[in-house]
Amino acid sequence: MAFLTFMEQCKAHIEQKRVATPAPEPEKKESTRPLIVQMSEWMATLSAEQRKAQWEMPWFEGRFGVDRKFIGPVLCDLGWRRERQFKKHTSHRRFWLAPQPPEGPTAVEPIPQTAQTSTW
């Protein structure tokens, strides 16, 4: 009989705790800004080393809180490349590569003007 009383006390205690503490609000990752704007701003913060990394889709889903069917087209629009690594006896791995900034001078040098012009 003492066992049932103890169990009843435990149930009452658990119910009391459940009622006393409200459930935490889920963290909302939704933003009012378009996904392409969010991703463009995030891309601007990437270092050169991070741009060389191989990014997998689950990371993007967790970071932006959006389904992969919406993330893929935005990555393509921003210049990312979708790649796969094939292995002989296991499944392949999919990842995304960030666009690399152009190497060398970014400004176009003007063409020097010659002193003489040809008259045809």
Foldseek 3Di string as FASTA:
>chain_A
DVVVVVVVVVVVVVVVVPVVDDDDDDDDLDDPDDPLVVVVVVVVPDDQVRLADWAAPVVVCVVRVDDPVVVVVSQVVQPKDWDWDDDDPDHIGITIHHDDDDDDDPDDDDDDDDPDDDDD
